[in-house]
């Protein structure tokens, strides 16, 4: 059945409401956890989350969409669990996610995130890295201290996920040092799954574990999250090239300027088209001006990278729904999970 624009709008509103409820449920515990950090580290973390200005005064900036905590709570609900019992793993997942953001900003030398200066540009590289490390340790401590019977399994899953995330980040960085034709599409898909799909899958799996659903259903929900996460990354890569800076908080074409081997770029480079050769030549030199970045974006589109990524995102979402049906045969009970997955893969900028 084809969805109308009204249907899509209603789903988007449902997802926005779910995200708002997740933030309300998770933020008190998240703030409490961050408050337990040593003062100098806490200051960096509070700034990164948008709770404080650089001088320590209160701020009302957003701490992000809370997609991953919302997935934890929605997965628990879909499998008959009490979402309130899954708040701690939701907080742990959000801390792990922000650990990656702090480190990514340093690695990519990104000057802005969420429409403000990144933590490393304000406090320095060392303090931003240390704050990220502390957040990751805090995430594992929250699970280790949780009396819930699923906490040990959840902790192990999150730790495995973070190792996979690190491998994905290392591969992403290594790709930048390789020539335009030296990265395959399979390598790029594996990297994107590790960097993005792994944590979304783990978020869903932790919700299942805290609903006492067992390993088999947790693994099925992990697969659902991974497929949805790859769709999310495909859309994010498109936004990294064609996104509106007023909405993204980053310069237009930032991924191209950084010579990122993102999914649309690699799909374009391996297309065997004249535009692929034009893009490869551009990637061999500096992309240090708006006109050069625009030419690179145009080459990606003419080589089919944009269309490929859009079609792949749709295919991955179909695969995600198939995985979801293994864990929740009655998809009506998984409406929240579907709404969240649809929301993150329908972004256009």
C-alpha atoms as a PDB file:
ATOM      1  CA  UNK A   1       0.000   0.000   0.000  1.00  0.00           C
ATOM      2  CA  UNK A   2       1.368   3.411  -0.966  1.00  0.00           C
ATOM      3  CA  UNK A   3       1.539   5.918   1.846  1.00  0.00           C
ATOM      4  CA  UNK A   4       0.079   9.372   1.294  1.00  0.00           C
ATOM      5  CA  UNK A   5       1.816  12.549   2.396  1.00  0.00           C
ATOM      6  CA  UNK A   6      -0.771  12.785   5.174  1.00  0.00           C
ATOM      7  CA  UNK A   7       0.197   9.285   6.367  1.00  0.00           C
ATOM      8  CA  UNK A   8       3.885  10.227   6.330  1.00  0.00           C
ATOM      9  CA  UNK A   9       3.128  13.427   8.207  1.00  0.00           C
ATOM     10  CA  UNK A  10       1.177  11.539  10.864  1.00  0.00           C
ATOM     11  CA  UNK A  11       4.025   9.032  11.263  1.00  0.00           C
ATOM     12  CA  UNK A  12       6.498  11.883  11.621  1.00  0.00           C
ATOM     13  CA  UNK A  13       4.350  13.488  14.325  1.00  0.00           C
ATOM     14  CA  UNK A  14       4.117  10.134  16.116  1.00  0.00           C
ATOM     15  CA  UNK A  15       7.899   9.789  16.047  1.00  0.00           C
ATOM     16  CA  UNK A  16       8.448  13.340  17.278  1.00  0.00           C
ATOM     17  CA  UNK A  17       6.106  12.604  20.194  1.00  0.00           C
ATOM     18  CA  UNK A  18       7.991   9.374  20.940  1.00  0.00           C
ATOM     19  CA  UNK A  19      11.308  11.217  20.941  1.00  0.00           C
ATOM     20  CA  UNK A  20       9.924  13.876  23.264  1.00  0.00           C
ATOM     21  CA  UNK A  21       8.668  11.216  25.689  1.00  0.00           C
ATOM     22  CA  UNK A  22      12.028   9.432  25.554  1.00  0.00           C
ATOM     23  CA  UNK A  23      13.879  12.662  26.369  1.00  0.00           C
ATOM     24  CA  UNK A  24      11.528  13.308  29.284  1.00  0.00           C
ATOM     25  CA  UNK A  25      12.047   9.782  30.636  1.00  0.00           C
ATOM     26  CA  UNK A  26      15.811   9.656  30.135  1.00  0.00           C
ATOM     27  CA  UNK A  27      17.091  13.175  30.774  1.00  0.00           C
ATOM     28  CA  UNK A  28      16.824  13.234  34.590  1.00  0.00           C
ATOM     29  CA  UNK A  29      18.901  10.054  34.890  1.00  0.00           C
ATOM     30  CA  UNK A  30      21.273  11.260  32.180  1.00  0.00           C
ATOM     31  CA  UNK A  31      21.853  14.563  33.971  1.00  0.00           C
ATOM     32  CA  UNK A  32      22.341  12.743  37.244  1.00  0.00           C
ATOM     33  CA  UNK A  33      24.917  10.440  35.669  1.00  0.00           C
ATOM     34  CA  UNK A  34      26.847  13.326  34.111  1.00  0.00           C
ATOM     35  CA  UNK A  35      26.727  15.204  37.427  1.00  0.00           C
ATOM     36  CA  UNK A  36      28.702  12.351  39.015  1.00  0.00           C
ATOM     37  CA  UNK A  37      31.721  13.072  36.798  1.00  0.00           C
ATOM     38  CA  UNK A  38      34.708  15.079  38.108  1.00  0.00           C
ATOM     39  CA  UNK A  39      34.020  18.842  37.753  1.00  0.00           C
ATOM     40  CA  UNK A  40      36.404  19.589  34.863  1.00  0.00           C
ATOM     41  CA  UNK A  41      35.094  16.650  32.830  1.00  0.00           C
ATOM     42  CA  UNK A  42      31.489  17.360  33.815  1.00  0.00           C
ATOM     43  CA  UNK A  43      31.839  20.890  32.448  1.00  0.00           C
ATOM     44  CA  UNK A  44      32.837  19.617  28.990  1.00  0.00           C
ATOM     45  CA  UNK A  45      30.057  17.032  28.996  1.00  0.00           C
ATOM     46  CA  UNK A  46      27.410  19.541  30.078  1.00  0.00           C
ATOM     47  CA  UNK A  47      28.515  21.904  27.321  1.00  0.00           C
ATOM     48  CA  UNK A  48      28.443  19.117  24.730  1.00  0.00           C
ATOM     49  CA  UNK A  49      24.891  18.143  25.737  1.00  0.00           C
ATOM     50  CA  UNK A  50      23.795  21.771  25.410  1.00  0.00           C
ATOM     51  CA  UNK A  51      22.947  22.165  29.106  1.00  0.00           C
ATOM     52  CA  UNK A  52      25.594  24.800  29.782  1.00  0.00           C
ATOM     53  CA  UNK A  53      27.461  27.544  27.959  1.00  0.00           C
ATOM     54  CA  UNK A  54      31.244  27.425  27.832  1.00  0.00           C
ATOM     55  CA  UNK A  55      31.438  29.576  30.959  1.00  0.00           C
ATOM     56  CA  UNK A  56      29.304  27.104  32.909  1.00  0.00           C
ATOM     57  CA  UNK A  57      26.127  29.197  32.914  1.00  0.00           C
ATOM     58  CA  UNK A  58      22.854  27.360  32.133  1.00  0.00           C
ATOM     59  CA  UNK A  59      21.853  26.924  28.487  1.00  0.00           C
ATOM     60  CA  UNK A  60      18.689  25.650  26.906  1.00  0.00           C
ATOM     61  CA  UNK A  61      20.262  23.993  23.877  1.00  0.00           C
ATOM     62  CA  UNK A  62      19.021  20.594  22.791  1.00  0.00           C
ATOM     63  CA  UNK A  63      20.959  17.468  23.706  1.00  0.00           C
ATOM     64  CA  UNK A  64      20.097  15.752  20.435  1.00  0.00           C
ATOM     65  CA  UNK A  65      17.079  13.890  19.129  1.00  0.00           C
ATOM     66  CA  UNK A  66      17.360  10.961  21.603  1.00  0.00           C
ATOM     67  CA  UNK A  67      16.761   8.439  18.815  1.00  0.00           C
ATOM     68  CA  UNK A  68      18.783   5.668  20.438  1.00  0.00           C
ATOM     69  CA  UNK A  69      17.203   5.946  23.903  1.00  0.00           C
ATOM     70  CA  UNK A  70      13.796   6.039  22.210  1.00  0.00           C
ATOM     71  CA  UNK A  71      14.626   2.772  20.426  1.00  0.00           C
ATOM     72  CA  UNK A  72      15.559   1.111  23.732  1.00  0.00           C
ATOM     73  CA  UNK A  73      12.232   2.102  25.300  1.00  0.00           C
ATOM     74  CA  UNK A  74      10.202   1.274  22.182  1.00  0.00           C
ATOM     75  CA  UNK A  75      11.807  -2.175  21.880  1.00  0.00           C
ATOM     76  CA  UNK A  76      11.001  -2.962  25.511  1.00  0.00           C
ATOM     77  CA  UNK A  77       7.402  -1.846  24.955  1.00  0.00           C
ATOM     78  CA  UNK A  78       7.041  -3.852  21.720  1.00  0.00           C
ATOM     79  CA  UNK A  79       7.999  -7.048  23.542  1.00  0.00           C
ATOM     80  CA  UNK A  80       5.653  -6.499  26.459  1.00  0.00           C
ATOM     81  CA  UNK A  81       8.162  -5.012  28.864  1.00  0.00           C
ATOM     82  CA  UNK A  82       7.895  -1.922  31.033  1.00  0.00           C
ATOM     83  CA  UNK A  83       9.767   0.962  29.365  1.00  0.00           C
ATOM     84  CA  UNK A  84      10.352   2.530  32.785  1.00  0.00           C
ATOM     85  CA  UNK A  85      12.520  -0.480  33.675  1.00  0.00           C
ATOM     86  CA  UNK A  86      14.659   0.159  30.585  1.00  0.00           C
ATOM     87  CA  UNK A  87      15.607   3.778  31.340  1.00  0.00           C
ATOM     88  CA  UNK A  88      19.093   2.878  32.582  1.00  0.00           C
ATOM     89  CA  UNK A  89      20.133   1.031  29.406  1.00  0.00           C
ATOM     90  CA  UNK A  90      18.593   3.905  27.422  1.00  0.00           C
ATOM     91  CA  UNK A  91      20.856   6.331  29.310  1.00  0.00           C
ATOM     92  CA  UNK A  92      23.849   4.042  28.763  1.00  0.00           C
ATOM     93  CA  UNK A  93      23.221   3.942  25.024  1.00  0.00           C
ATOM     94  CA  UNK A  94      22.902   7.738  24.864  1.00  0.00           C
ATOM     95  CA  UNK A  95      26.176   8.157  26.733  1.00  0.00           C
ATOM     96  CA  UNK A  96      27.900   5.722  24.377  1.00  0.00           C
ATOM     97  CA  UNK A  97      26.521   7.614  21.391  1.00  0.00           C
ATOM     98  CA  UNK A  98      27.818  10.926  22.701  1.00  0.00           C
ATOM     99  CA  UNK A  99      31.201   9.355  23.416  1.00  0.00           C
ATOM    100  CA  UNK A 100      31.397   8.672  19.670  1.00  0.00           C
ATOM    101  CA  UNK A 101      30.265  12.202  18.786  1.00  0.00           C
ATOM    102  CA  UNK A 102      32.935  13.858  20.926  1.00  0.00           C
ATOM    103  CA  UNK A 103      35.621  11.693  19.361  1.00  0.00           C
ATOM    104  CA  UNK A 104      34.247  12.030  15.811  1.00  0.00           C
ATOM    105  CA  UNK A 105      34.321  15.822  16.089  1.00  0.00           C
ATOM    106  CA  UNK A 106      37.988  15.693  17.059  1.00  0.00           C
ATOM    107  CA  UNK A 107      38.916  13.190  14.348  1.00  0.00           C
ATOM    108  CA  UNK A 108      36.990  15.043  11.627  1.00  0.00           C
ATOM    109  CA  UNK A 109      37.993  18.471  12.959  1.00  0.00           C
ATOM    110  CA  UNK A 110      34.360  19.533  12.781  1.00  0.00           C
ATOM    111  CA  UNK A 111      33.925  23.115  14.037  1.00  0.00           C
ATOM    112  CA  UNK A 112      30.193  22.909  14.793  1.00  0.00           C
ATOM    113  CA  UNK A 113      27.613  20.482  16.118  1.00  0.00           C
ATOM    114  CA  UNK A 114      23.970  21.252  16.910  1.00  0.00           C
ATOM    115  CA  UNK A 115      24.509  24.829  15.765  1.00  0.00           C
ATOM    116  CA  UNK A 116      27.251  25.654  18.262  1.00  0.00           C
ATOM    117  CA  UNK A 117      31.013  25.268  18.476  1.00  0.00           C
ATOM    118  CA  UNK A 118      32.151  21.695  19.101  1.00  0.00           C
ATOM    119  CA  UNK A 119      33.587  20.848  22.509  1.00  0.00           C
ATOM    120  CA  UNK A 120      37.129  20.342  21.249  1.00  0.00           C
ATOM    121  CA  UNK A 121      37.202  23.845  19.722  1.00  0.00           C
ATOM    122  CA  UNK A 122      36.090  25.326  23.043  1.00  0.00           C
ATOM    123  CA  UNK A 123      37.971  23.228  25.624  1.00  0.00           C
ATOM    124  CA  UNK A 124      40.758  21.721  23.542  1.00  0.00           C
ATOM    125  CA  UNK A 125      41.327  18.332  21.962  1.00  0.00           C
ATOM    126  CA  UNK A 126      42.581  16.600  25.098  1.00  0.00           C
ATOM    127  CA  UNK A 127      39.626  17.632  27.266  1.00  0.00           C
ATOM    128  CA  UNK A 128      37.100  16.603  24.604  1.00  0.00           C
ATOM    129  CA  UNK A 129      38.690  13.160  24.212  1.00  0.00           C
ATOM    130  CA  UNK A 130      38.879  12.626  27.966  1.00  0.00           C
ATOM    131  CA  UNK A 131      35.238  13.673  28.389  1.00  0.00           C
ATOM    132  CA  UNK A 132      34.240  11.158  25.726  1.00  0.00           C
ATOM    133  CA  UNK A 133      36.226   8.419  27.449  1.00  0.00           C
ATOM    134  CA  UNK A 134      34.557   9.237  30.763  1.00  0.00           C
ATOM    135  CA  UNK A 135      31.100   9.073  29.166  1.00  0.00           C
ATOM    136  CA  UNK A 136      31.809   5.598  27.840  1.00  0.00           C
ATOM    137  CA  UNK A 137      33.022   4.409  31.229  1.00  0.00           C
ATOM    138  CA  UNK A 138      29.937   5.971  32.804  1.00  0.00           C
ATOM    139  CA  UNK A 139      27.681   4.073  30.396  1.00  0.00           C
ATOM    140  CA  UNK A 140      29.171   0.740  31.429  1.00  0.00           C
ATOM    141  CA  UNK A 141      29.067   1.663  35.109  1.00  0.00           C
ATOM    142  CA  UNK A 142      25.347   2.425  34.892  1.00  0.00           C
ATOM    143  CA  UNK A 143      24.702  -1.071  33.555  1.00  0.00           C
ATOM    144  CA  UNK A 144      27.128  -2.738  35.977  1.00  0.00           C
ATOM    145  CA  UNK A 145      25.335  -1.170  38.953  1.00  0.00           C
ATOM    146  CA  UNK A 146      21.841  -1.930  37.681  1.00  0.00           C
ATOM    147  CA  UNK A 147      20.183  -4.753  39.680  1.00  0.00           C
ATOM    148  CA  UNK A 148      18.064  -5.788  36.683  1.00  0.00           C
ATOM    149  CA  UNK A 149      18.796  -9.438  35.720  1.00  0.00           C
ATOM    150  CA  UNK A 150      19.559  -8.429  32.121  1.00  0.00           C
ATOM    151  CA  UNK A 151      22.209  -5.871  33.066  1.00  0.00           C
ATOM    152  CA  UNK A 152      25.226  -8.177  32.621  1.00  0.00           C
ATOM    153  CA  UNK A 153      24.116  -9.313  29.161  1.00  0.00           C
ATOM    154  CA  UNK A 154      23.339  -5.714  28.243  1.00  0.00           C
ATOM    155  CA  UNK A 155      26.767  -4.564  29.390  1.00  0.00           C
ATOM    156  CA  UNK A 156      28.487  -7.246  27.309  1.00  0.00           C
ATOM    157  CA  UNK A 157      26.467  -6.326  24.234  1.00  0.00           C
ATOM    158  CA  UNK A 158      27.246  -2.639  24.615  1.00  0.00           C
ATOM    159  CA  UNK A 159      30.958  -3.321  25.092  1.00  0.00           C
ATOM    160  CA  UNK A 160      31.044  -5.509  21.956  1.00  0.00           C
ATOM    161  CA  UNK A 161      29.186  -2.790  20.089  1.00  0.00           C
ATOM    162  CA  UNK A 162      31.701  -0.117  21.068  1.00  0.00           C
ATOM    163  CA  UNK A 163      34.601  -2.278  19.856  1.00  0.00           C
ATOM    164  CA  UNK A 164      32.768  -2.640  16.529  1.00  0.00           C
ATOM    165  CA  UNK A 165      32.162   1.125  16.454  1.00  0.00           C
ATOM    166  CA  UNK A 166      35.862   1.745  16.944  1.00  0.00           C
ATOM    167  CA  UNK A 167      36.705  -0.634  14.107  1.00  0.00           C
ATOM    168  CA  UNK A 168      34.249   1.194  11.878  1.00  0.00           C
ATOM    169  CA  UNK A 169      35.756   4.560  12.786  1.00  0.00           C
ATOM    170  CA  UNK A 170      39.270   3.285  12.113  1.00  0.00           C
ATOM    171  CA  UNK A 171      38.178   2.002   8.689  1.00  0.00           C
ATOM    172  CA  UNK A 172      36.492   5.309   7.882  1.00  0.00           C
ATOM    173  CA  UNK A 173      39.700   7.195   8.656  1.00  0.00           C
ATOM    174  CA  UNK A 174      41.803   4.699   6.696  1.00  0.00           C
ATOM    175  CA  UNK A 175      39.584   5.147   3.633  1.00  0.00           C
ATOM    176  CA  UNK A 176      40.536   8.828   3.478  1.00  0.00           C
ATOM    177  CA  UNK A 177      44.180   7.837   2.943  1.00  0.00           C
ATOM    178  CA  UNK A 178      43.347   5.484   0.061  1.00  0.00           C
ATOM    179  CA  UNK A 179      42.953   6.504  -3.564  1.00  0.00           C
ATOM    180  CA  UNK A 180      39.550   7.252  -5.109  1.00  0.00           C
ATOM    181  CA  UNK A 181      39.294   3.797  -6.707  1.00  0.00           C
ATOM    182  CA  UNK A 182      40.813   1.817  -3.816  1.00  0.00           C
ATOM    183  CA  UNK A 183      37.710   1.504  -1.607  1.00  0.00           C
ATOM    184  CA  UNK A 184      35.044  -1.020  -2.568  1.00  0.00           C
ATOM    185  CA  UNK A 185      31.336  -0.624  -1.971  1.00  0.00           C
ATOM    186  CA  UNK A 186      31.279  -3.744   0.216  1.00  0.00           C
ATOM    187  CA  UNK A 187      34.024  -2.285   2.412  1.00  0.00           C
ATOM    188  CA  UNK A 188      32.105   0.949   2.701  1.00  0.00           C
ATOM    189  CA  UNK A 189      28.852  -0.831   3.625  1.00  0.00           C
ATOM    190  CA  UNK A 190      30.679  -2.853   6.296  1.00  0.00           C
ATOM    191  CA  UNK A 191      32.207   0.316   7.713  1.00  0.00           C
ATOM    192  CA  UNK A 192      28.849   2.136   7.773  1.00  0.00           C
ATOM    193  CA  UNK A 193      27.138  -0.801   9.462  1.00  0.00           C
ATOM    194  CA  UNK A 194      29.791  -0.788  12.177  1.00  0.00           C
ATOM    195  CA  UNK A 195      29.785   2.993  12.679  1.00  0.00           C
ATOM    196  CA  UNK A 196      26.023   3.529  12.684  1.00  0.00           C
ATOM    197  CA  UNK A 197      24.022   0.314  12.451  1.00  0.00           C
ATOM    198  CA  UNK A 198      25.752  -1.400  15.363  1.00  0.00           C
ATOM    199  CA  UNK A 199      24.621   1.085  18.012  1.00  0.00           C
ATOM    200  CA  UNK A 200      21.051   1.328  16.724  1.00  0.00           C
ATOM    201  CA  UNK A 201      20.917  -2.463  16.712  1.00  0.00           C
ATOM    202  CA  UNK A 202      22.328  -2.640  20.220  1.00  0.00           C
ATOM    203  CA  UNK A 203      19.774  -0.089  21.431  1.00  0.00           C
ATOM    204  CA  UNK A 204      16.957  -2.320  20.182  1.00  0.00           C
ATOM    205  CA  UNK A 205      18.593  -5.446  21.599  1.00  0.00           C
ATOM    206  CA  UNK A 206      18.976  -3.883  25.051  1.00  0.00           C
ATOM    207  CA  UNK A 207      15.285  -3.000  25.075  1.00  0.00           C
ATOM    208  CA  UNK A 208      14.488  -6.620  24.249  1.00  0.00           C
ATOM    209  CA  UNK A 209      16.762  -7.933  27.009  1.00  0.00           C
ATOM    210  CA  UNK A 210      15.158  -5.628  29.569  1.00  0.00           C
ATOM    211  CA  UNK A 211      11.756  -6.957  28.480  1.00  0.00           C
ATOM    212  CA  UNK A 212      13.024 -10.477  29.319  1.00  0.00           C
ATOM    213  CA  UNK A 213      12.481 -11.454  25.690  1.00  0.00           C
ATOM    214  CA  UNK A 214      15.530 -13.727  25.412  1.00  0.00           C
ATOM    215  CA  UNK A 215      18.597 -13.776  23.182  1.00  0.00           C
ATOM    216  CA  UNK A 216      16.841 -14.930  19.999  1.00  0.00           C
ATOM    217  CA  UNK A 217      14.406 -12.035  19.901  1.00  0.00           C
ATOM    218  CA  UNK A 218      17.094  -9.620  21.040  1.00  0.00           C
ATOM    219  CA  UNK A 219      19.263 -10.743  18.113  1.00  0.00           C
ATOM    220  CA  UNK A 220      16.366 -10.258  15.685  1.00  0.00           C
ATOM    221  CA  UNK A 221      15.820  -6.735  16.994  1.00  0.00           C
ATOM    222  CA  UNK A 222      19.554  -6.098  16.738  1.00  0.00           C
ATOM    223  CA  UNK A 223      19.333  -7.043  13.048  1.00  0.00           C
ATOM    224  CA  UNK A 224      16.335  -4.721  12.647  1.00  0.00           C
ATOM    225  CA  UNK A 225      18.281  -1.832  14.154  1.00  0.00           C
ATOM    226  CA  UNK A 226      21.339  -2.546  12.028  1.00  0.00           C
ATOM    227  CA  UNK A 227      19.340  -2.456   8.796  1.00  0.00           C
ATOM    228  CA  UNK A 228      17.507   0.687   9.881  1.00  0.00           C
ATOM    229  CA  UNK A 229      20.856   2.145  10.957  1.00  0.00           C
ATOM    230  CA  UNK A 230      22.369   1.543   7.557  1.00  0.00           C
ATOM    231  CA  UNK A 231      19.363   3.254   5.968  1.00  0.00           C
ATOM    232  CA  UNK A 232      19.925   6.105   8.442  1.00  0.00           C
ATOM    233  CA  UNK A 233      23.596   6.337   7.414  1.00  0.00           C
ATOM    234  CA  UNK A 234      22.732   6.387   3.722  1.00  0.00           C
ATOM    235  CA  UNK A 235      20.407   9.324   4.296  1.00  0.00           C
ATOM    236  CA  UNK A 236      22.972  10.985   6.573  1.00  0.00           C
ATOM    237  CA  UNK A 237      25.591  10.662   3.843  1.00  0.00           C
ATOM    238  CA  UNK A 238      23.228  12.341   1.392  1.00  0.00           C
ATOM    239  CA  UNK A 239      22.677  15.145   3.898  1.00  0.00           C
ATOM    240  CA  UNK A 240      26.454  15.413   4.311  1.00  0.00           C
ATOM    241  CA  UNK A 241      26.627  16.379   0.633  1.00  0.00           C
ATOM    242  CA  UNK A 242      23.354  18.158  -0.086  1.00  0.00           C
ATOM    243  CA  UNK A 243      22.083  19.127   3.373  1.00  0.00           C
ATOM    244  CA  UNK A 244      20.960  22.621   4.278  1.00  0.00           C
ATOM    245  CA  UNK A 245      23.581  24.187   6.618  1.00  0.00           C
ATOM    246  CA  UNK A 246      20.814  26.044   8.450  1.00  0.00           C
ATOM    247  CA  UNK A 247      19.322  22.695   9.402  1.00  0.00           C
ATOM    248  CA  UNK A 248      22.460  20.566   9.795  1.00  0.00           C
ATOM    249  CA  UNK A 249      24.647  23.104  11.596  1.00  0.00           C
ATOM    250  CA  UNK A 250      27.527  22.147   9.286  1.00  0.00           C
ATOM    251  CA  UNK A 251      28.874  23.717   6.064  1.00  0.00           C
ATOM    252  CA  UNK A 252      27.377  22.501   2.775  1.00  0.00           C
ATOM    253  CA  UNK A 253      29.342  19.626   1.284  1.00  0.00           C
ATOM    254  CA  UNK A 254      31.441  19.175   4.425  1.00  0.00           C
ATOM    255  CA  UNK A 255      31.930  15.448   3.735  1.00  0.00           C
ATOM    256  CA  UNK A 256      33.209  16.181   0.229  1.00  0.00           C
ATOM    257  CA  UNK A 257      35.592  18.876   1.447  1.00  0.00           C
ATOM    258  CA  UNK A 258      37.019  16.288   3.882  1.00  0.00           C
ATOM    259  CA  UNK A 259      37.428  13.723   1.047  1.00  0.00           C
ATOM    260  CA  UNK A 260      35.089  11.339   2.867  1.00  0.00           C
ATOM    261  CA  UNK A 261      34.527   7.998   1.136  1.00  0.00           C
ATOM    262  CA  UNK A 262      30.852   8.059   2.069  1.00  0.00           C
ATOM    263  CA  UNK A 263      28.390   5.619   0.545  1.00  0.00           C
ATOM    264  CA  UNK A 264      27.076   7.879  -2.260  1.00  0.00           C
ATOM    265  CA  UNK A 265      30.647   8.901  -3.119  1.00  0.00           C
ATOM    266  CA  UNK A 266      31.929   5.318  -3.336  1.00  0.00           C
ATOM    267  CA  UNK A 267      28.855   4.234  -5.324  1.00  0.00           C
ATOM    268  CA  UNK A 268      29.610   7.063  -7.739  1.00  0.00           C
ATOM    269  CA  UNK A 269      33.329   6.247  -7.926  1.00  0.00           C
ATOM    270  CA  UNK A 270      32.704   2.582  -8.829  1.00  0.00           C
ATOM    271  CA  UNK A 271      30.006   3.388 -11.417  1.00  0.00           C
ATOM    272  CA  UNK A 272      32.408   3.323 -14.381  1.00  0.00           C
ATOM    273  CA  UNK A 273      30.899   6.523 -15.776  1.00  0.00           C
ATOM    274  CA  UNK A 274      32.658   9.626 -17.098  1.00  0.00           C
ATOM    275  CA  UNK A 275      31.331  11.452 -14.046  1.00  0.00           C
ATOM    276  CA  UNK A 276      33.087   8.872 -11.843  1.00  0.00           C
ATOM    277  CA  UNK A 277      36.428   9.772 -13.432  1.00  0.00           C
ATOM    278  CA  UNK A 278      35.675  13.453 -12.982  1.00  0.00           C
ATOM    279  CA  UNK A 279      34.913  12.849  -9.301  1.00  0.00           C
ATOM    280  CA  UNK A 280      38.079  10.764  -8.856  1.00  0.00           C
ATOM    281  CA  UNK A 281      40.168  13.571 -10.306  1.00  0.00           C
ATOM    282  CA  UNK A 282      38.554  16.093  -7.978  1.00  0.00           C
ATOM    283  CA  UNK A 283      39.230  13.776  -5.008  1.00  0.00           C
ATOM    284  CA  UNK A 284      42.915  13.655  -5.893  1.00  0.00           C
ATOM    285  CA  UNK A 285      43.247  17.372  -5.177  1.00  0.00           C
ATOM    286  CA  UNK A 286      42.015  19.837  -2.563  1.00  0.00           C
ATOM    287  CA  UNK A 287      38.298  20.536  -2.326  1.00  0.00           C
ATOM    288  CA  UNK A 288      38.777  23.842  -0.617  1.00  0.00           C
ATOM    289  CA  UNK A 289      36.197  26.151  -2.125  1.00  0.00           C
ATOM    290  CA  UNK A 290      32.412  26.258  -2.645  1.00  0.00           C
ATOM    291  CA  UNK A 291      32.713  25.949  -6.416  1.00  0.00           C
ATOM    292  CA  UNK A 292      34.967  22.873  -6.258  1.00  0.00           C
ATOM    293  CA  UNK A 293      32.683  21.247  -3.686  1.00  0.00           C
ATOM    294  CA  UNK A 294      29.667  22.011  -5.887  1.00  0.00           C
ATOM    295  CA  UNK A 295      31.382  20.371  -8.870  1.00  0.00           C
ATOM    296  CA  UNK A 296      32.121  17.275  -6.782  1.00  0.00           C
ATOM    297  CA  UNK A 297      28.503  17.059  -5.601  1.00  0.00           C
ATOM    298  CA  UNK A 298      27.306  17.391  -9.183  1.00  0.00           C
ATOM    299  CA  UNK A 299      29.668  14.600 -10.262  1.00  0.00           C
ATOM    300  CA  UNK A 300      28.359  12.298  -7.500  1.00  0.00           C
ATOM    301  CA  UNK A 301      24.813  12.900  -8.712  1.00  0.00           C
ATOM    302  CA  UNK A 302      25.600  12.421 -12.413  1.00  0.00           C
ATOM    303  CA  UNK A 303      27.470   9.204 -11.598  1.00  0.00           C
ATOM    304  CA  UNK A 304      24.353   7.829  -9.906  1.00  0.00           C
ATOM    305  CA  UNK A 305      25.561   7.998  -6.306  1.00  0.00           C
ATOM    306  CA  UNK A 306      22.609   9.995  -5.045  1.00  0.00           C
ATOM    307  CA  UNK A 307      19.970   7.775  -6.644  1.00  0.00           C
ATOM    308  CA  UNK A 308      21.770   4.600  -5.538  1.00  0.00           C
ATOM    309  CA  UNK A 309      21.854   5.764  -1.920  1.00  0.00           C
ATOM    310  CA  UNK A 310      18.167   6.674  -1.978  1.00  0.00           C
ATOM    311  CA  UNK A 311      17.195   3.266  -3.389  1.00  0.00           C
ATOM    312  CA  UNK A 312      19.493   1.442  -0.973  1.00  0.00           C
ATOM    313  CA  UNK A 313      17.950   3.268   1.971  1.00  0.00           C
ATOM    314  CA  UNK A 314      14.503   2.040   0.911  1.00  0.00           C
ATOM    315  CA  UNK A 315      15.784  -1.523   0.443  1.00  0.00           C
ATOM    316  CA  UNK A 316      17.436  -1.520   3.868  1.00  0.00           C
ATOM    317  CA  UNK A 317      14.227  -0.349   5.495  1.00  0.00           C
ATOM    318  CA  UNK A 318      12.363  -3.248   3.847  1.00  0.00           C
ATOM    319  CA  UNK A 319      14.984  -5.624   5.216  1.00  0.00           C
ATOM    320  CA  UNK A 320      14.618  -4.006   8.647  1.00  0.00           C
ATOM    321  CA  UNK A 321      10.872  -4.691   8.675  1.00  0.00           C
ATOM    322  CA  UNK A 322      11.509  -8.338   7.779  1.00  0.00           C
ATOM    323  CA  UNK A 323      13.901  -8.666  10.725  1.00  0.00           C
ATOM    324  CA  UNK A 324      11.427  -6.925  13.017  1.00  0.00           C
ATOM    325  CA  UNK A 325       8.708  -9.432  12.130  1.00  0.00           C
ATOM    326  CA  UNK A 326      10.949 -12.235  13.464  1.00  0.00           C
ATOM    327  CA  UNK A 327      10.929 -10.655  16.907  1.00  0.00           C
ATOM    328  CA  UNK A 328       7.422  -9.182  16.854  1.00  0.00           C
ATOM    329  CA  UNK A 329       5.203 -11.214  14.487  1.00  0.00           C
ATOM    330  CA  UNK A 330       2.290  -8.839  15.120  1.00  0.00           C
ATOM    331  CA  UNK A 331       3.789  -5.657  13.701  1.00  0.00           C
ATOM    332  CA  UNK A 332       0.941  -3.632  15.187  1.00  0.00           C
ATOM    333  CA  UNK A 333       2.699  -4.096  18.541  1.00  0.00           C
ATOM    334  CA  UNK A 334       5.886  -2.659  17.031  1.00  0.00           C
ATOM    335  CA  UNK A 335       4.336   0.568  15.807  1.00  0.00           C
ATOM    336  CA  UNK A 336       6.674   2.747  17.853  1.00  0.00           C
ATOM    337  CA  UNK A 337       9.768   1.044  16.480  1.00  0.00           C
ATOM    338  CA  UNK A 338       8.492   1.397  12.920  1.00  0.00           C
ATOM    339  CA  UNK A 339       7.612   5.052  13.449  1.00  0.00           C
ATOM    340  CA  UNK A 340      11.117   5.801  14.738  1.00  0.00           C
ATOM    341  CA  UNK A 341      12.804   3.912  11.894  1.00  0.00           C
ATOM    342  CA  UNK A 342      10.665   5.681   9.314  1.00  0.00           C
ATOM    343  CA  UNK A 343      11.392   9.043  10.919  1.00  0.00           C
ATOM    344  CA  UNK A 344      15.170   8.752  10.811  1.00  0.00           C
ATOM    345  CA  UNK A 345      15.196   7.502   7.232  1.00  0.00           C
ATOM    346  CA  UNK A 346      12.786  10.122   5.871  1.00  0.00           C
ATOM    347  CA  UNK A 347      15.020  13.068   6.725  1.00  0.00           C
ATOM    348  CA  UNK A 348      15.842  15.199   3.706  1.00  0.00           C
ATOM    349  CA  UNK A 349      18.266  17.748   5.144  1.00  0.00           C
END
